[in-house]
Each structure stands twice: as structure tokens, then as C-alpha cells.
Amino acid sequence: MKGLLSLFLSIGFSIGLFAQEQKIEWLSFEQAVQRIAEDGDNEKKIFIDVYTDWCGWCKKMDKETFNDPEVRAYMIKNFYMVKFNAEQAEDVVFQGQTYSFVPQGKKGYHELAVALTNGNLSYPTVVYLTSKFEMLAPVAGYYPAAPFLTVAKYFGDDIFKDMTWKDYEASQSK
């Protein structure tokens, strides 16, 4: 009986450790820049979740899409995961340029959010970058897990290099 209890406890502990290992480690933009510099020639791309504190769809995406086990596993393996608050007050210095908060009305916006979204401040917007911080694409809007993964794989698996989005999307619906 004790042996069986020990077995169940060790299985439960192992599952618990596995679940913890699969948790997304969200980085700040600055942390991602530092991590990439430290990791050297890593081919992992950069994924940036541009959000605001008041955005309901951003919260839904956090709760549902980013908590999906398949999404989490794929994103952890292929991307540095960054959360960027589009209304943060702190400056960000990147590649010799300082990006700042711009007050507007009751809130405002951050210049880096404008740069990352190509001027389309819509939330949520996720941004895909190469490991050298070259823009692949900003993708605006809420996506449930399955469609999100389709988009993530298009960039994460380098499919964009050989196939247009339109052709890829058509190939996924067959």
C-alpha cells in the first residue's frame, strides 16, 4: 500500500514539475534584448504581446490562448516571449533610440508600441520579429488557440520564407 501511495505521489510531483516547466516566462523588452545578446547565435525569434491594462480581449488571450498547453509548448520552444504595455511610462532605449510615453487625453501611448504596431494602436496586437529584431509582422486582434498557433507556426517555422500567408492559410483549411 505504501509503495502504491509513493508511486502516485511521485507521478503527481512529476506532472506538477512538468506543468511548471511549461509556464511561459514573459520578459520585458529590455530583458529580451539582454537575453538575446547573452544567448548569441540562438535562432529563436521574438514574440511581443502589445497590450494595455484595460483591454478585455488582451486578458482573454492571456487566460485562454496563452494558457493552452500546445500554444505554450510551441511558443516556449520557438520564441523569446515579451509582454509590452503600450501605455507604460518608462522609457525604452533600443538601438540608440529612446522611445517614450506620450501623454494624450486621460492616458497616452508609448512610442515603442507605435513602432512595433506600424502605427496601428489596436489591442491586443502581437508582433513577430526575427532574432535580430527585424520586423516580420504585427498581427492585430484576439485569436483563440488553434488560429493563433497557425499564425505562430507561419513565422516560427519559417514558412513565410517560402509561402505567402494566403497560400499557407489555404493549405491549413484543407
Protein backbone atom coordinates (compact mmCIF):
# COMPACT_ATOMS: atom_id res chain seq x y z
CA MET A 1 0.00 0.00 0.00
CA LYS A 2 2.82 2.42 0.90
CA GLY A 3 4.52 1.59 -2.39
CA LEU A 4 1.39 2.43 -4.34
CA LEU A 5 0.97 5.72 -2.43
CA SER A 6 4.61 6.60 -3.13
CA LEU A 7 4.11 5.86 -6.82
CA PHE A 8 1.06 8.14 -7.05
CA LEU A 9 2.83 10.90 -5.15
CA SER A 10 5.90 10.73 -7.39
CA ILE A 11 3.74 10.72 -10.55
CA GLY A 12 1.79 13.68 -9.24
CA PHE A 13 5.01 15.51 -8.35
CA SER A 14 6.45 14.81 -11.81
CA ILE A 15 3.31 16.08 -13.52
CA GLY A 16 3.43 19.18 -11.33
CA LEU A 17 7.04 19.83 -12.30
CA PHE A 18 6.24 19.33 -15.99
CA ALA A 19 3.35 21.80 -15.74
CA GLN A 20 5.62 24.34 -14.07
CA GLU A 21 8.26 23.88 -16.78
CA GLN A 22 5.63 24.66 -19.40
CA LYS A 23 4.79 28.07 -17.93
CA ILE A 24 5.63 30.96 -20.24
CA GLU A 25 8.41 33.16 -18.94
CA TRP A 26 7.29 36.62 -20.00
CA LEU A 27 10.17 39.04 -20.46
CA SER A 28 10.24 42.80 -20.63
CA PHE A 29 11.53 44.26 -23.88
CA GLU A 30 14.83 45.12 -22.18
CA GLN A 31 15.16 41.61 -20.73
CA ALA A 32 14.63 40.10 -24.18
CA VAL A 33 17.35 42.31 -25.69
CA GLN A 34 19.72 41.25 -22.92
CA ARG A 35 18.81 37.55 -23.15
CA ILE A 36 19.36 37.51 -26.92
CA ALA A 37 22.74 39.20 -26.50
CA GLU A 38 23.72 36.60 -23.87
CA ASP A 39 22.46 33.63 -25.90
CA GLY A 40 24.46 34.60 -29.00
CA ASP A 41 23.51 32.89 -32.25
CA ASN A 42 20.22 31.48 -31.00
CA GLU A 43 17.69 31.28 -33.84
CA LYS A 44 14.71 31.78 -31.56
CA LYS A 45 12.52 34.57 -32.81
CA ILE A 46 10.93 37.30 -30.71
CA PHE A 47 7.22 37.43 -29.93
CA ILE A 48 5.84 40.62 -28.39
CA ASP A 49 2.38 40.84 -26.88
CA VAL A 50 1.45 44.54 -27.06
CA TYR A 51 -1.36 45.09 -24.56
CA THR A 52 -2.97 47.60 -22.19
CA ASP A 53 -4.23 47.08 -18.66
CA TRP A 54 -7.81 47.98 -19.66
CA CYS A 55 -8.01 45.68 -22.71
CA GLY A 56 -10.57 42.91 -22.15
CA TRP A 57 -9.52 40.95 -25.25
CA CYS A 58 -5.89 41.07 -24.06
CA LYS A 59 -6.96 39.48 -20.76
CA LYS A 60 -8.99 36.84 -22.60
CA MET A 61 -5.98 36.00 -24.77
CA ASP A 62 -3.78 35.71 -21.65
CA LYS A 63 -6.29 33.47 -19.91
CA GLU A 64 -7.26 31.23 -22.82
CA THR A 65 -4.81 31.36 -25.72
CA PHE A 66 -1.51 31.63 -23.85
CA ASN A 67 -2.63 29.02 -21.31
CA ASP A 68 -3.37 26.42 -23.98
CA PRO A 69 -0.77 23.64 -23.47
CA GLU A 70 0.01 23.29 -27.18
CA VAL A 71 0.40 27.05 -27.63
CA ARG A 72 2.59 27.34 -24.54
CA ALA A 73 4.88 24.49 -25.57
CA TYR A 74 5.31 25.79 -29.12
CA MET A 75 5.90 29.40 -28.09
CA ILE A 76 8.40 28.49 -25.36
CA LYS A 77 10.38 26.37 -27.82
CA ASN A 78 10.46 28.90 -30.67
CA PHE A 79 10.24 32.42 -29.25
CA TYR A 80 11.50 34.81 -26.63
CA MET A 81 8.18 35.86 -25.13
CA VAL A 82 7.79 39.58 -24.39
CA LYS A 83 4.93 41.49 -22.79
CA PHE A 84 4.87 45.20 -23.60
CA ASN A 85 2.35 47.57 -22.03
CA ALA A 86 1.53 50.11 -24.74
CA GLU A 87 0.85 52.69 -22.02
CA GLN A 88 3.91 52.18 -19.84
CA ALA A 89 5.54 55.37 -18.59
CA GLU A 90 9.14 54.14 -18.59
CA ASP A 91 11.45 55.00 -21.48
CA VAL A 92 12.94 52.18 -23.54
CA VAL A 93 16.31 52.65 -25.20
CA PHE A 94 16.83 50.35 -28.18
CA GLN A 95 19.46 50.50 -30.91
CA GLY A 96 20.47 54.02 -29.91
CA GLN A 97 16.95 55.42 -29.92
CA THR A 98 14.87 56.38 -26.88
CA TYR A 99 11.18 55.52 -27.00
CA SER A 100 8.99 57.40 -24.53
CA PHE A 101 5.47 57.66 -23.23
CA VAL A 102 3.36 60.32 -24.97
CA PRO A 103 0.53 61.71 -22.82
CA GLN A 104 -2.73 62.03 -24.71
CA GLY A 105 -6.13 62.63 -23.16
CA LYS A 106 -6.56 60.69 -19.92
CA LYS A 107 -3.93 58.10 -20.83
CA GLY A 108 -1.49 58.14 -23.72
CA TYR A 109 0.69 55.73 -25.63
CA HIS A 110 4.28 54.56 -25.81
CA GLU A 111 6.35 55.34 -28.90
CA LEU A 112 7.72 51.79 -28.98
CA ALA A 113 4.16 50.46 -29.22
CA VAL A 114 3.60 52.75 -32.23
CA ALA A 115 6.81 51.47 -33.85
CA LEU A 116 6.01 47.81 -33.17
CA THR A 117 2.44 48.05 -34.49
CA ASN A 118 3.37 50.17 -37.52
CA GLY A 119 1.22 52.97 -36.13
CA ASN A 120 -1.89 50.83 -35.69
CA LEU A 121 -2.53 51.02 -31.95
CA SER A 122 -5.06 48.23 -31.64
CA TYR A 123 -5.12 45.80 -28.72
CA PRO A 124 -4.19 43.11 -28.48
CA THR A 125 -1.54 43.16 -31.18
CA VAL A 126 1.15 40.52 -31.27
CA VAL A 127 4.38 41.23 -33.09
CA TYR A 128 6.74 38.71 -34.64
CA LEU A 129 10.41 39.67 -35.03
CA THR A 130 13.49 37.79 -36.19
CA SER A 131 16.25 37.02 -33.69
CA LYS A 132 17.94 40.18 -34.99
CA PHE A 133 14.87 42.33 -34.19
CA GLU A 134 13.78 42.63 -37.83
CA MET A 135 10.04 43.04 -38.24
CA LEU A 136 8.19 40.04 -39.61
CA ALA A 137 4.65 41.25 -38.92
CA PRO A 138 2.33 42.78 -36.37
CA VAL A 139 -0.93 40.82 -36.08
CA ALA A 140 -3.83 42.70 -34.53
CA GLY A 141 -6.77 41.18 -32.69
CA TYR A 142 -7.77 38.36 -30.39
CA TYR A 143 -7.06 34.82 -31.59
CA PRO A 144 -8.22 31.59 -29.92
CA ALA A 145 -5.57 28.89 -29.51
CA ALA A 146 -5.90 26.98 -32.82
CA PRO A 147 -5.88 30.01 -35.17
CA PHE A 148 -3.19 31.64 -33.04
CA LEU A 149 -0.98 28.57 -33.42
CA THR A 150 -1.48 28.61 -37.19
CA VAL A 151 -0.14 32.16 -37.34
CA ALA A 152 2.68 31.47 -34.86
CA LYS A 153 3.88 28.47 -36.87
CA TYR A 154 3.87 30.51 -40.08
CA PHE A 155 6.57 32.70 -38.55
CA GLY A 156 8.14 30.29 -36.05
CA ASP A 157 8.72 27.53 -38.60
CA ASP A 158 9.97 30.00 -41.28
CA ILE A 159 7.10 29.09 -43.61
CA PHE A 160 6.87 32.80 -44.52
CA LYS A 161 10.18 32.45 -46.38
CA ASP A 162 8.72 30.04 -48.96
CA MET A 163 4.96 30.64 -48.98
CA THR A 164 2.62 33.60 -48.91
CA TRP A 165 0.22 33.90 -45.99
CA LYS A 166 -2.71 33.43 -48.38
CA ASP A 167 -1.31 30.13 -49.71
CA TYR A 168 -0.39 28.92 -46.22
CA GLU A 169 -3.81 29.77 -44.83
CA ALA A 170 -5.46 27.92 -47.75
CA SER A 171 -3.26 24.88 -47.13
CA GLN A 172 -4.33 24.82 -43.46
CA SER A 173 -8.04 24.71 -44.23
CA LYS A 174 -7.81 21.55 -46.33
